């Protein structure tokens, strides 16, 4: 595979807005539920994002700022910006259990999301495409970008358990390809939430419990 600096996932990407991302790994959006009063970021959220900011990510997706109503002109501007520089994102459960890092099930899941990505790619040529879900290894992420199936690789749960996964694993020259795998630990959703039909709440709890690792 050559040196890690030659990897496609290590190459910069310039968006139509002019912003250049240093590499193709993205800390995907998650429901952290860590906002303080008035849904604004507080010290806890800042501490979490500080770790991600030092982890070697090409892009960290989040929302900060003081909420306010948009003007009619601002709404029209945002609509036109989306029309000019739309980004198509595909979401799914990302990472893999340690026991299934190289299993057929993991490979099938990765291929499942990439198959959708190929269809989207054909319909929206020239639009930066990010796929989140199914990635479990450096090799898998590199192949997806090198084969032009997507431009960006989104990671969520692996980013929680290892906020510096780009630096520590993916772009770490001391980690061999066969060892450059992502770890994900599933936390069981409480049975009462399932019975009450509140699985999304359980999913949010899952994220919160993982954030406790940071």
N, C-alpha and C. Protein backbone atom coordinates (compact mmCIF):
# COMPACT_ATOMS: atom_id res chain seq x y z
N UNK A 1 0.82 -1.21 0.00
CA UNK A 1 0.00 0.00 0.00
C UNK A 1 0.86 1.26 0.00
N UNK A 2 2.21 1.12 0.17
CA UNK A 2 3.07 2.28 0.19
C UNK A 2 3.02 2.97 1.54
N UNK A 3 3.52 4.21 1.57
CA UNK A 3 3.50 4.96 2.83
C UNK A 3 2.10 5.49 3.10
N UNK A 4 1.82 5.75 4.37
CA UNK A 4 0.48 6.20 4.74
C UNK A 4 0.15 7.56 4.14
N UNK A 5 1.15 8.38 3.89
CA UNK A 5 0.89 9.69 3.30
C UNK A 5 0.40 9.58 1.86
N UNK A 6 0.61 8.40 1.25
CA UNK A 6 0.15 8.18 -0.12
C UNK A 6 -1.29 7.69 -0.18
N UNK A 7 -1.86 7.35 0.95
CA UNK A 7 -3.23 6.85 0.97
C UNK A 7 -4.19 7.91 0.45
N UNK A 8 -5.24 7.47 -0.24
CA UNK A 8 -6.26 8.40 -0.71
C UNK A 8 -7.01 9.04 0.46
N UNK A 9 -7.20 8.29 1.54
CA UNK A 9 -7.90 8.86 2.69
C UNK A 9 -7.05 9.88 3.43
N UNK A 10 -5.76 9.95 3.09
CA UNK A 10 -4.87 10.93 3.70
C UNK A 10 -4.74 12.20 2.86
N UNK A 11 -5.36 12.19 1.68
CA UNK A 11 -5.24 13.34 0.77
C UNK A 11 -6.24 14.43 1.12
N UNK A 12 -5.88 15.69 0.91
CA UNK A 12 -6.81 16.79 1.17
C UNK A 12 -7.95 16.81 0.17
N UNK A 13 -9.03 17.45 0.54
CA UNK A 13 -10.19 17.60 -0.33
C UNK A 13 -10.68 19.03 -0.22
N UNK A 14 -10.75 19.71 -1.35
CA UNK A 14 -11.24 21.10 -1.37
C UNK A 14 -12.71 21.11 -1.77
N UNK A 15 -13.54 21.64 -0.90
CA UNK A 15 -14.97 21.73 -1.16
C UNK A 15 -15.27 22.93 -2.07
N UNK A 16 -16.46 22.96 -2.62
CA UNK A 16 -16.82 24.05 -3.53
C UNK A 16 -16.87 25.39 -2.82
N UNK A 17 -17.00 25.36 -1.51
CA UNK A 17 -16.99 26.61 -0.74
C UNK A 17 -15.59 27.20 -0.64
N UNK A 18 -14.57 26.41 -1.01
CA UNK A 18 -13.19 26.86 -0.91
C UNK A 18 -12.47 26.29 0.30
N UNK A 19 -13.22 25.67 1.22
CA UNK A 19 -12.63 25.07 2.41
C UNK A 19 -11.89 23.79 2.01
N UNK A 20 -10.64 23.66 2.46
CA UNK A 20 -9.86 22.47 2.18
C UNK A 20 -9.75 21.61 3.43
N UNK A 21 -10.20 20.36 3.32
CA UNK A 21 -10.09 19.42 4.42
C UNK A 21 -8.74 18.71 4.32
N UNK A 22 -8.01 18.57 5.43
CA UNK A 22 -6.66 17.98 5.37
C UNK A 22 -6.64 16.50 5.04
N UNK A 23 -7.72 15.77 5.32
CA UNK A 23 -7.82 14.36 4.96
C UNK A 23 -9.29 13.99 4.84
N UNK A 24 -9.56 12.70 4.60
CA UNK A 24 -10.92 12.28 4.26
C UNK A 24 -11.70 11.66 5.43
N UNK A 25 -11.14 11.69 6.62
CA UNK A 25 -11.83 11.10 7.77
C UNK A 25 -12.67 12.15 8.49
N UNK A 26 -13.93 11.82 8.74
CA UNK A 26 -14.87 12.77 9.32
C UNK A 26 -15.45 12.22 10.62
N UNK A 27 -15.41 13.04 11.67
CA UNK A 27 -16.15 12.71 12.88
C UNK A 27 -17.60 13.03 12.56
N UNK A 28 -18.41 11.97 12.40
CA UNK A 28 -19.79 12.16 11.96
C UNK A 28 -20.64 12.79 13.05
N UNK A 29 -21.78 13.31 12.64
CA UNK A 29 -22.71 13.94 13.58
C UNK A 29 -23.29 12.89 14.52
N UNK A 30 -23.42 13.25 15.79
CA UNK A 30 -24.00 12.37 16.79
C UNK A 30 -24.88 13.18 17.73
N UNK A 31 -25.79 12.50 18.41
CA UNK A 31 -26.64 13.14 19.41
C UNK A 31 -25.94 13.06 20.76
N UNK A 32 -25.04 14.03 21.02
CA UNK A 32 -24.28 13.99 22.27
C UNK A 32 -25.12 14.30 23.49
N UNK A 33 -26.15 15.14 23.30
CA UNK A 33 -27.02 15.54 24.42
C UNK A 33 -26.21 16.14 25.57
N UNK A 34 -25.21 16.95 25.22
CA UNK A 34 -24.36 17.56 26.24
C UNK A 34 -24.53 19.07 26.32
N UNK A 35 -25.46 19.63 25.57
CA UNK A 35 -25.64 21.08 25.60
C UNK A 35 -26.14 21.53 26.97
N UNK A 36 -25.75 22.73 27.34
CA UNK A 36 -26.17 23.28 28.62
C UNK A 36 -27.44 24.09 28.50
N UNK A 37 -27.53 25.16 29.27
CA UNK A 37 -28.71 26.02 29.25
C UNK A 37 -28.93 26.61 27.87
N UNK A 38 -30.19 26.68 27.47
CA UNK A 38 -30.60 27.23 26.18
C UNK A 38 -29.98 26.49 25.01
N UNK A 39 -29.66 25.21 25.25
CA UNK A 39 -29.09 24.35 24.20
C UNK A 39 -27.78 24.88 23.62
N UNK A 40 -27.01 25.57 24.45
CA UNK A 40 -25.71 26.07 24.03
C UNK A 40 -24.60 25.17 24.58
N UNK A 41 -23.47 25.08 23.88
CA UNK A 41 -22.37 24.25 24.35
C UNK A 41 -21.82 24.76 25.67
N UNK A 42 -21.58 23.82 26.59
CA UNK A 42 -21.01 24.20 27.88
C UNK A 42 -19.62 23.57 28.02
N UNK A 43 -19.07 23.58 29.23
CA UNK A 43 -17.72 23.08 29.45
C UNK A 43 -17.59 21.61 29.10
N UNK A 44 -18.63 20.82 29.37
CA UNK A 44 -18.56 19.39 29.06
C UNK A 44 -18.42 19.16 27.56
N UNK A 45 -19.25 19.84 26.79
CA UNK A 45 -19.19 19.67 25.34
C UNK A 45 -17.87 20.19 24.79
N UNK A 46 -17.40 21.30 25.32
CA UNK A 46 -16.14 21.84 24.85
C UNK A 46 -14.99 20.90 25.14
N UNK A 47 -15.04 20.22 26.28
CA UNK A 47 -13.99 19.27 26.63
C UNK A 47 -13.98 18.09 25.67
N UNK A 48 -15.18 17.61 25.32
CA UNK A 48 -15.29 16.48 24.39
C UNK A 48 -14.77 16.87 23.01
N UNK A 49 -15.21 18.03 22.52
CA UNK A 49 -14.79 18.44 21.18
C UNK A 49 -13.32 18.84 21.13
N UNK A 50 -12.75 19.21 22.25
CA UNK A 50 -11.32 19.51 22.28
C UNK A 50 -10.52 18.25 21.96
N UNK A 51 -10.98 17.11 22.51
CA UNK A 51 -10.29 15.86 22.22
C UNK A 51 -10.40 15.50 20.75
N UNK A 52 -11.58 15.67 20.17
CA UNK A 52 -11.73 15.39 18.74
C UNK A 52 -10.89 16.34 17.90
N UNK A 53 -10.80 17.60 18.32
CA UNK A 53 -10.05 18.58 17.54
C UNK A 53 -8.57 18.26 17.48
N UNK A 54 -8.09 17.48 18.43
CA UNK A 54 -6.67 17.11 18.48
C UNK A 54 -6.43 15.70 17.95
N UNK A 55 -7.46 15.09 17.37
CA UNK A 55 -7.36 13.69 16.96
C UNK A 55 -6.92 13.43 15.54
N UNK A 56 -6.74 14.49 14.74
CA UNK A 56 -6.30 14.30 13.37
C UNK A 56 -7.41 14.17 12.35
N UNK A 57 -8.62 14.58 12.69
CA UNK A 57 -9.76 14.47 11.77
C UNK A 57 -9.67 15.50 10.65
N UNK A 58 -10.16 15.11 9.47
CA UNK A 58 -10.23 16.06 8.37
C UNK A 58 -11.39 17.01 8.53
N UNK A 59 -12.46 16.53 9.18
CA UNK A 59 -13.65 17.35 9.40
C UNK A 59 -14.36 16.85 10.64
N UNK A 60 -14.84 17.77 11.45
CA UNK A 60 -15.63 17.43 12.63
C UNK A 60 -16.99 18.09 12.46
N UNK A 61 -18.03 17.29 12.39
CA UNK A 61 -19.38 17.83 12.17
C UNK A 61 -20.04 18.12 13.51
N UNK A 62 -20.44 19.35 13.69
CA UNK A 62 -21.12 19.77 14.90
C UNK A 62 -21.83 21.08 14.61
N UNK A 63 -22.55 21.58 15.60
CA UNK A 63 -23.25 22.87 15.47
C UNK A 63 -23.03 23.66 16.74
N UNK A 64 -22.39 24.82 16.62
CA UNK A 64 -22.24 25.73 17.74
C UNK A 64 -22.85 27.07 17.36
N UNK A 65 -23.09 27.91 18.34
CA UNK A 65 -23.61 29.25 18.08
C UNK A 65 -24.89 29.52 18.84
N UNK A 66 -25.26 30.76 18.89
CA UNK A 66 -26.47 31.17 19.59
C UNK A 66 -27.68 31.02 18.68
N UNK A 67 -28.67 30.22 19.05
CA UNK A 67 -29.84 30.03 18.20
C UNK A 67 -30.61 31.34 18.02
N UNK A 68 -31.06 31.58 16.80
CA UNK A 68 -31.89 32.74 16.52
C UNK A 68 -32.68 32.46 15.26
N UNK A 69 -33.75 33.21 15.08
CA UNK A 69 -34.57 33.05 13.89
C UNK A 69 -33.83 33.61 12.68
N UNK A 70 -33.93 32.89 11.55
CA UNK A 70 -33.30 33.35 10.32
C UNK A 70 -34.20 34.34 9.60
N UNK A 71 -33.60 35.28 8.92
CA UNK A 71 -34.37 36.20 8.10
C UNK A 71 -34.75 35.52 6.80
N UNK A 72 -35.71 36.09 6.08
CA UNK A 72 -36.13 35.52 4.81
C UNK A 72 -34.95 35.48 3.82
N UNK A 73 -34.13 36.52 3.84
CA UNK A 73 -32.98 36.57 2.95
C UNK A 73 -31.97 35.47 3.28
N UNK A 74 -31.76 35.23 4.58
CA UNK A 74 -30.83 34.18 4.99
C UNK A 74 -31.33 32.81 4.58
N UNK A 75 -32.63 32.60 4.69
CA UNK A 75 -33.20 31.31 4.28
C UNK A 75 -32.97 31.08 2.79
N UNK A 76 -33.21 32.11 1.97
CA UNK A 76 -32.99 31.97 0.53
C UNK A 76 -31.52 31.71 0.21
N UNK A 77 -30.63 32.36 0.98
CA UNK A 77 -29.19 32.15 0.77
C UNK A 77 -28.80 30.72 1.07
N UNK A 78 -29.32 30.19 2.18
CA UNK A 78 -29.00 28.81 2.55
C UNK A 78 -29.52 27.83 1.50
N UNK A 79 -30.73 28.08 1.00
CA UNK A 79 -31.29 27.20 -0.03
C UNK A 79 -30.41 27.20 -1.27
N UNK A 80 -29.97 28.37 -1.69
CA UNK A 80 -29.13 28.45 -2.88
C UNK A 80 -27.78 27.82 -2.65
N UNK A 81 -27.25 27.94 -1.43
CA UNK A 81 -25.97 27.31 -1.12
C UNK A 81 -26.08 25.80 -1.18
N UNK A 82 -27.18 25.26 -0.66
CA UNK A 82 -27.37 23.82 -0.73
C UNK A 82 -27.49 23.38 -2.18
N UNK A 83 -28.13 24.19 -2.99
CA UNK A 83 -28.28 23.84 -4.40
C UNK A 83 -26.94 23.83 -5.13
N UNK A 84 -26.06 24.75 -4.74
CA UNK A 84 -24.76 24.85 -5.41
C UNK A 84 -23.74 23.87 -4.88
N UNK A 85 -23.81 23.59 -3.60
CA UNK A 85 -22.75 22.78 -2.99
C UNK A 85 -23.34 21.70 -2.09
N UNK A 86 -24.31 21.01 -2.63
CA UNK A 86 -24.96 19.96 -1.84
C UNK A 86 -23.99 18.83 -1.56
N UNK A 87 -24.14 18.26 -0.40
CA UNK A 87 -23.35 17.09 -0.05
C UNK A 87 -24.31 15.96 0.31
N UNK A 88 -24.17 14.85 -0.37
CA UNK A 88 -25.04 13.72 -0.10
C UNK A 88 -24.37 12.85 0.95
N UNK A 89 -25.09 12.50 2.00
CA UNK A 89 -24.54 11.69 3.07
C UNK A 89 -25.40 10.45 3.26
N UNK A 90 -24.74 9.33 3.48
CA UNK A 90 -25.43 8.08 3.74
C UNK A 90 -25.06 7.63 5.14
N UNK A 91 -26.07 7.24 5.91
CA UNK A 91 -25.86 6.94 7.31
C UNK A 91 -26.18 5.49 7.62
N UNK A 92 -25.52 4.95 8.62
CA UNK A 92 -25.78 3.60 9.07
C UNK A 92 -25.01 3.35 10.34
N UNK A 93 -25.12 2.17 10.89
CA UNK A 93 -24.35 1.82 12.07
C UNK A 93 -22.90 1.63 11.66
N UNK A 94 -21.99 2.36 12.30
CA UNK A 94 -20.61 2.29 11.88
C UNK A 94 -19.77 1.53 12.88
N UNK A 95 -18.59 1.17 12.43
CA UNK A 95 -17.68 0.41 13.27
C UNK A 95 -18.07 -1.06 13.28
N UNK A 96 -17.35 -1.84 14.06
CA UNK A 96 -17.64 -3.26 14.15
C UNK A 96 -17.25 -3.77 15.51
N UNK A 97 -17.97 -4.78 15.98
CA UNK A 97 -17.58 -5.40 17.23
C UNK A 97 -16.22 -6.03 17.05
N UNK A 98 -15.44 -6.03 18.11
CA UNK A 98 -14.09 -6.56 18.03
C UNK A 98 -14.08 -7.99 17.52
N UNK A 99 -15.09 -8.78 17.92
CA UNK A 99 -15.13 -10.17 17.54
C UNK A 99 -15.41 -10.38 16.06
N UNK A 100 -15.97 -9.35 15.38
CA UNK A 100 -16.34 -9.53 13.99
C UNK A 100 -15.58 -8.61 13.07
N UNK A 101 -14.37 -8.19 13.48
CA UNK A 101 -13.58 -7.26 12.70
C UNK A 101 -13.43 -7.72 11.25
N UNK A 102 -13.11 -9.00 11.04
CA UNK A 102 -12.82 -9.50 9.70
C UNK A 102 -13.82 -10.56 9.27
N UNK A 103 -14.99 -10.58 9.90
CA UNK A 103 -15.98 -11.60 9.59
C UNK A 103 -16.72 -11.29 8.31
N UNK A 104 -17.37 -12.29 7.76
CA UNK A 104 -18.17 -12.10 6.55
C UNK A 104 -19.29 -11.11 6.80
N UNK A 105 -19.83 -11.11 8.01
CA UNK A 105 -20.92 -10.19 8.34
C UNK A 105 -20.44 -8.74 8.24
N UNK A 106 -19.24 -8.47 8.76
CA UNK A 106 -18.71 -7.11 8.70
C UNK A 106 -18.45 -6.70 7.26
N UNK A 107 -17.86 -7.59 6.48
CA UNK A 107 -17.58 -7.28 5.08
C UNK A 107 -18.87 -7.04 4.31
N UNK A 108 -19.90 -7.83 4.61
CA UNK A 108 -21.17 -7.67 3.93
C UNK A 108 -21.81 -6.33 4.26
N UNK A 109 -21.72 -5.90 5.53
CA UNK A 109 -22.29 -4.63 5.93
C UNK A 109 -21.59 -3.47 5.23
N UNK A 110 -20.26 -3.54 5.17
CA UNK A 110 -19.50 -2.49 4.50
C UNK A 110 -19.89 -2.43 3.03
N UNK A 111 -19.99 -3.60 2.38
CA UNK A 111 -20.36 -3.63 0.98
C UNK A 111 -21.78 -3.11 0.76
N UNK A 112 -22.67 -3.34 1.74
CA UNK A 112 -24.06 -2.89 1.64
C UNK A 112 -24.14 -1.38 1.49
N UNK A 113 -23.44 -0.65 2.35
CA UNK A 113 -23.49 0.81 2.29
C UNK A 113 -22.79 1.34 1.05
N UNK A 114 -21.70 0.69 0.64
CA UNK A 114 -20.97 1.15 -0.53
C UNK A 114 -21.77 0.92 -1.80
N UNK A 115 -22.61 -0.10 -1.82
CA UNK A 115 -23.45 -0.34 -2.99
C UNK A 115 -24.41 0.83 -3.20
N UNK A 116 -24.98 1.32 -2.11
CA UNK A 116 -25.84 2.50 -2.20
C UNK A 116 -25.02 3.71 -2.64
N UNK A 117 -23.81 3.82 -2.12
CA UNK A 117 -22.96 4.96 -2.46
C UNK A 117 -22.67 5.00 -3.96
N UNK A 118 -22.45 3.84 -4.56
CA UNK A 118 -22.16 3.80 -5.99
C UNK A 118 -23.35 4.29 -6.81
N UNK A 119 -24.55 3.95 -6.37
CA UNK A 119 -25.75 4.42 -7.07
C UNK A 119 -25.87 5.93 -6.96
N UNK A 120 -25.65 6.45 -5.75
CA UNK A 120 -25.72 7.90 -5.55
C UNK A 120 -24.64 8.60 -6.35
N UNK A 121 -23.45 8.02 -6.39
CA UNK A 121 -22.33 8.61 -7.13
C UNK A 121 -22.68 8.80 -8.60
N UNK A 122 -23.33 7.81 -9.19
CA UNK A 122 -23.69 7.90 -10.59
C UNK A 122 -24.69 9.01 -10.86
N UNK A 123 -25.57 9.26 -9.89
CA UNK A 123 -26.60 10.27 -10.07
C UNK A 123 -26.11 11.68 -9.77
N UNK A 124 -25.10 11.80 -8.92
CA UNK A 124 -24.65 13.11 -8.48
C UNK A 124 -23.14 13.26 -8.64
N UNK A 125 -22.67 13.11 -9.87
CA UNK A 125 -21.26 13.29 -10.15
C UNK A 125 -20.83 14.72 -9.82
N UNK A 126 -19.68 14.84 -9.19
CA UNK A 126 -19.16 16.16 -8.85
C UNK A 126 -19.59 16.65 -7.48
N UNK A 127 -20.49 15.91 -6.83
CA UNK A 127 -20.95 16.27 -5.49
C UNK A 127 -20.14 15.47 -4.47
N UNK A 128 -19.47 16.13 -3.52
CA UNK A 128 -18.72 15.40 -2.49
C UNK A 128 -19.64 14.43 -1.74
N UNK A 129 -19.24 13.19 -1.67
CA UNK A 129 -20.08 12.14 -1.09
C UNK A 129 -19.40 11.56 0.16
N UNK A 130 -20.15 11.52 1.25
CA UNK A 130 -19.65 10.92 2.48
C UNK A 130 -20.50 9.71 2.83
N UNK A 131 -19.85 8.63 3.21
CA UNK A 131 -20.54 7.42 3.65
C UNK A 131 -20.18 7.17 5.11
N UNK A 132 -21.20 7.02 5.93
CA UNK A 132 -21.01 6.67 7.34
C UNK A 132 -21.70 5.33 7.59
N UNK A 133 -20.94 4.36 8.01
CA UNK A 133 -21.55 3.07 8.32
C UNK A 133 -20.80 1.91 7.71
N UNK A 134 -20.49 0.92 8.55
CA UNK A 134 -19.91 -0.31 8.05
C UNK A 134 -18.40 -0.38 8.01
N UNK A 135 -17.72 0.75 8.08
CA UNK A 135 -16.27 0.73 7.97
C UNK A 135 -15.64 0.16 9.24
N UNK A 136 -14.67 -0.73 9.04
CA UNK A 136 -14.05 -1.38 10.19
C UNK A 136 -12.53 -1.45 10.10
N UNK A 137 -11.94 -0.95 9.02
CA UNK A 137 -10.49 -1.07 8.88
C UNK A 137 -9.92 0.03 8.00
N UNK A 138 -8.63 0.23 8.13
CA UNK A 138 -7.92 1.18 7.26
C UNK A 138 -8.05 0.74 5.81
N UNK A 139 -7.85 -0.55 5.55
CA UNK A 139 -7.95 -1.06 4.19
C UNK A 139 -9.32 -0.81 3.58
N UNK A 140 -10.37 -1.03 4.38
CA UNK A 140 -11.72 -0.84 3.87
C UNK A 140 -12.01 0.61 3.53
N UNK A 141 -11.58 1.52 4.39
CA UNK A 141 -11.80 2.95 4.14
C UNK A 141 -11.00 3.42 2.93
N UNK A 142 -9.75 2.94 2.83
CA UNK A 142 -8.90 3.34 1.71
C UNK A 142 -9.47 2.84 0.39
N UNK A 143 -9.94 1.61 0.36
CA UNK A 143 -10.49 1.06 -0.88
C UNK A 143 -11.73 1.82 -1.32
N UNK A 144 -12.58 2.21 -0.38
CA UNK A 144 -13.80 2.94 -0.73
C UNK A 144 -13.48 4.26 -1.42
N UNK A 145 -12.49 4.98 -0.90
CA UNK A 145 -12.12 6.27 -1.48
C UNK A 145 -11.31 6.07 -2.76
N UNK A 146 -10.37 5.12 -2.73
CA UNK A 146 -9.53 4.88 -3.90
C UNK A 146 -10.35 4.40 -5.09
N UNK A 147 -11.42 3.63 -4.83
CA UNK A 147 -12.29 3.13 -5.90
C UNK A 147 -13.34 4.15 -6.33
N UNK A 148 -13.27 5.36 -5.73
CA UNK A 148 -14.19 6.45 -6.08
C UNK A 148 -15.63 6.15 -5.69
N UNK A 149 -15.81 5.29 -4.68
CA UNK A 149 -17.16 5.04 -4.18
C UNK A 149 -17.65 6.19 -3.31
N UNK A 150 -16.73 6.88 -2.66
CA UNK A 150 -17.07 8.05 -1.85
C UNK A 150 -15.83 8.93 -1.72
N UNK A 151 -16.06 10.16 -1.25
CA UNK A 151 -14.95 11.10 -1.05
C UNK A 151 -14.53 11.18 0.40
N UNK A 152 -15.50 10.94 1.30
CA UNK A 152 -15.25 11.09 2.73
C UNK A 152 -15.79 9.88 3.48
N UNK A 153 -15.10 9.54 4.56
CA UNK A 153 -15.51 8.41 5.40
C UNK A 153 -15.94 8.96 6.75
N UNK A 154 -17.20 8.75 7.11
CA UNK A 154 -17.71 9.23 8.38
C UNK A 154 -17.64 8.15 9.45
N UNK A 155 -17.16 8.52 10.64
CA UNK A 155 -17.08 7.59 11.77
C UNK A 155 -17.75 8.24 12.98
N UNK A 156 -18.57 7.47 13.69
CA UNK A 156 -19.27 8.00 14.86
C UNK A 156 -18.83 7.27 16.12
N UNK A 157 -19.35 6.06 16.32
CA UNK A 157 -19.02 5.34 17.55
C UNK A 157 -17.52 5.09 17.72
N UNK A 158 -16.78 4.72 16.65
CA UNK A 158 -15.33 4.59 16.83
C UNK A 158 -14.68 5.90 17.28
N UNK A 159 -15.27 7.03 16.88
CA UNK A 159 -14.73 8.32 17.28
C UNK A 159 -14.97 8.61 18.75
N UNK A 160 -16.01 7.99 19.31
CA UNK A 160 -16.29 8.16 20.73
C UNK A 160 -15.32 7.34 21.56
N UNK A 161 -15.14 6.08 21.17
CA UNK A 161 -14.27 5.19 21.93
C UNK A 161 -12.80 5.53 21.75
N UNK A 162 -12.46 6.16 20.64
CA UNK A 162 -11.08 6.58 20.39
C UNK A 162 -11.12 7.90 19.64
N UNK A 163 -11.19 9.03 20.35
CA UNK A 163 -11.34 10.33 19.70
C UNK A 163 -10.17 10.70 18.78
N UNK A 164 -9.05 10.03 18.94
CA UNK A 164 -7.88 10.29 18.09
C UNK A 164 -7.62 9.12 17.16
N UNK A 165 -8.67 8.44 16.71
CA UNK A 165 -8.48 7.27 15.86
C UNK A 165 -7.72 7.57 14.57
N UNK A 166 -7.84 8.77 13.96
CA UNK A 166 -7.00 9.04 12.78
C UNK A 166 -5.51 9.02 13.13
N UNK A 167 -5.14 9.71 14.22
CA UNK A 167 -3.74 9.76 14.61
C UNK A 167 -3.25 8.45 15.22
N UNK A 168 -4.09 7.83 16.04
CA UNK A 168 -3.66 6.64 16.79
C UNK A 168 -3.63 5.37 15.95
N UNK A 169 -4.53 5.28 14.98
CA UNK A 169 -4.65 4.03 14.23
C UNK A 169 -4.50 4.24 12.72
N UNK A 170 -5.43 4.98 12.12
CA UNK A 170 -5.50 5.03 10.66
C UNK A 170 -4.23 5.60 10.04
N UNK A 171 -3.72 6.71 10.57
CA UNK A 171 -2.54 7.34 10.00
C UNK A 171 -1.27 7.11 10.83
N UNK A 172 -1.32 6.14 11.71
CA UNK A 172 -0.17 5.82 12.55
C UNK A 172 0.73 4.82 11.82
N UNK A 173 1.96 5.22 11.42
CA UNK A 173 2.83 4.31 10.66
C UNK A 173 3.28 3.10 11.45
N UNK A 174 3.13 3.13 12.77
CA UNK A 174 3.54 1.99 13.58
C UNK A 174 2.46 0.90 13.64
N UNK A 175 1.27 1.22 13.13
CA UNK A 175 0.17 0.24 13.12
C UNK A 175 0.09 -0.38 11.73
N UNK A 176 0.32 -1.68 11.65
CA UNK A 176 0.28 -2.38 10.37
C UNK A 176 -1.16 -2.47 9.86
N UNK A 177 -1.27 -2.67 8.55
CA UNK A 177 -2.60 -2.71 7.93
C UNK A 177 -3.52 -3.73 8.58
N UNK A 178 -3.00 -4.89 8.86
CA UNK A 178 -3.84 -5.95 9.44
C UNK A 178 -4.29 -5.62 10.86
N UNK A 179 -3.59 -4.70 11.50
CA UNK A 179 -3.96 -4.30 12.86
C UNK A 179 -4.73 -2.98 12.91
N UNK A 180 -4.82 -2.31 11.78
CA UNK A 180 -5.49 -1.00 11.73
C UNK A 180 -6.99 -1.18 11.60
N UNK A 181 -7.62 -1.64 12.68
CA UNK A 181 -9.06 -1.88 12.69
C UNK A 181 -9.73 -1.00 13.72
N UNK A 182 -11.01 -0.78 13.52
CA UNK A 182 -11.78 0.09 14.40
C UNK A 182 -12.55 -0.75 15.41
N UNK A 183 -12.67 -0.21 16.60
CA UNK A 183 -13.35 -0.94 17.66
C UNK A 183 -14.64 -0.23 18.02
N UNK A 184 -15.68 -1.00 18.24
CA UNK A 184 -16.97 -0.46 18.65
C UNK A 184 -17.54 -1.35 19.73
N UNK A 185 -18.02 -0.75 20.79
CA UNK A 185 -18.63 -1.51 21.86
C UNK A 185 -20.11 -1.16 21.94
N UNK A 186 -20.94 -2.15 21.69
CA UNK A 186 -22.39 -1.94 21.80
C UNK A 186 -22.84 -1.97 23.24
N UNK A 187 -23.71 -1.08 23.60
CA UNK A 187 -24.30 -1.04 24.94
C UNK A 187 -25.78 -1.35 24.80
N UNK A 188 -26.22 -2.36 25.50
CA UNK A 188 -27.60 -2.82 25.36
C UNK A 188 -28.59 -1.74 25.76
N UNK A 189 -29.60 -1.53 24.91
CA UNK A 189 -30.67 -0.59 25.22
C UNK A 189 -31.53 -1.17 26.33
N UNK A 190 -31.81 -0.41 27.39
CA UNK A 190 -32.63 -0.94 28.50
C UNK A 190 -33.94 -1.52 27.99
N UNK A 191 -34.32 -2.67 28.54
CA UNK A 191 -35.50 -3.38 28.06
C UNK A 191 -36.77 -2.56 28.21
N UNK A 192 -36.86 -1.73 29.24
CA UNK A 192 -38.07 -0.94 29.46
C UNK A 192 -38.29 0.05 28.32
N UNK A 193 -37.20 0.60 27.77
CA UNK A 193 -37.34 1.54 26.65
C UNK A 193 -37.82 0.81 25.40
N UNK A 194 -37.38 -0.42 25.23
CA UNK A 194 -37.86 -1.20 24.09
C UNK A 194 -39.35 -1.49 24.23
N UNK A 195 -39.77 -1.86 25.44
CA UNK A 195 -41.18 -2.18 25.69
C UNK A 195 -42.07 -0.98 25.48
N UNK A 196 -41.55 0.20 25.80
CA UNK A 196 -42.32 1.43 25.67
C UNK A 196 -42.24 2.02 24.27
N UNK A 197 -41.52 1.32 23.38
CA UNK A 197 -41.39 1.83 22.02
C UNK A 197 -40.52 3.06 21.96
N UNK A 198 -39.52 3.13 22.83
CA UNK A 198 -38.66 4.31 22.91
C UNK A 198 -37.22 3.93 22.55
N UNK A 199 -37.06 3.14 21.50
CA UNK A 199 -35.72 2.72 21.06
C UNK A 199 -34.84 3.92 20.71
N UNK A 200 -35.38 4.98 20.05
CA UNK A 200 -34.53 6.14 19.77
C UNK A 200 -33.94 6.75 21.03
N UNK A 201 -34.73 6.76 22.11
CA UNK A 201 -34.21 7.27 23.37
C UNK A 201 -33.06 6.39 23.85
N UNK A 202 -33.26 5.08 23.68
CA UNK A 202 -32.20 4.15 24.06
C UNK A 202 -30.95 4.37 23.24
N UNK A 203 -31.13 4.69 21.96
CA UNK A 203 -29.98 4.96 21.11
C UNK A 203 -29.23 6.19 21.60
N UNK A 204 -29.98 7.21 22.03
CA UNK A 204 -29.34 8.39 22.59
C UNK A 204 -28.59 8.07 23.87
N UNK A 205 -29.18 7.18 24.68
CA UNK A 205 -28.51 6.74 25.90
C UNK A 205 -27.22 6.00 25.55
N UNK A 206 -27.28 5.21 24.48
CA UNK A 206 -26.11 4.49 24.02
C UNK A 206 -24.97 5.46 23.73
N UNK A 207 -25.30 6.55 23.03
CA UNK A 207 -24.29 7.55 22.71
C UNK A 207 -23.76 8.21 23.97
N UNK A 208 -24.66 8.55 24.89
CA UNK A 208 -24.23 9.19 26.13
C UNK A 208 -23.29 8.31 26.93
N UNK A 209 -23.61 7.02 26.99
CA UNK A 209 -22.75 6.11 27.74
C UNK A 209 -21.38 5.99 27.09
N UNK A 210 -21.34 6.03 25.78
CA UNK A 210 -20.06 5.97 25.09
C UNK A 210 -19.26 7.25 25.33
N UNK A 211 -19.95 8.38 25.38
CA UNK A 211 -19.25 9.65 25.64
C UNK A 211 -18.58 9.68 27.00
N UNK A 212 -19.04 8.82 27.89
CA UNK A 212 -18.42 8.74 29.21
C UNK A 212 -16.98 8.26 29.12
N UNK A 213 -16.65 7.61 27.98
CA UNK A 213 -15.28 7.15 27.79
C UNK A 213 -14.34 8.32 27.57
N UNK A 214 -14.86 9.45 27.06
CA UNK A 214 -13.99 10.58 26.72
C UNK A 214 -13.55 11.36 27.96
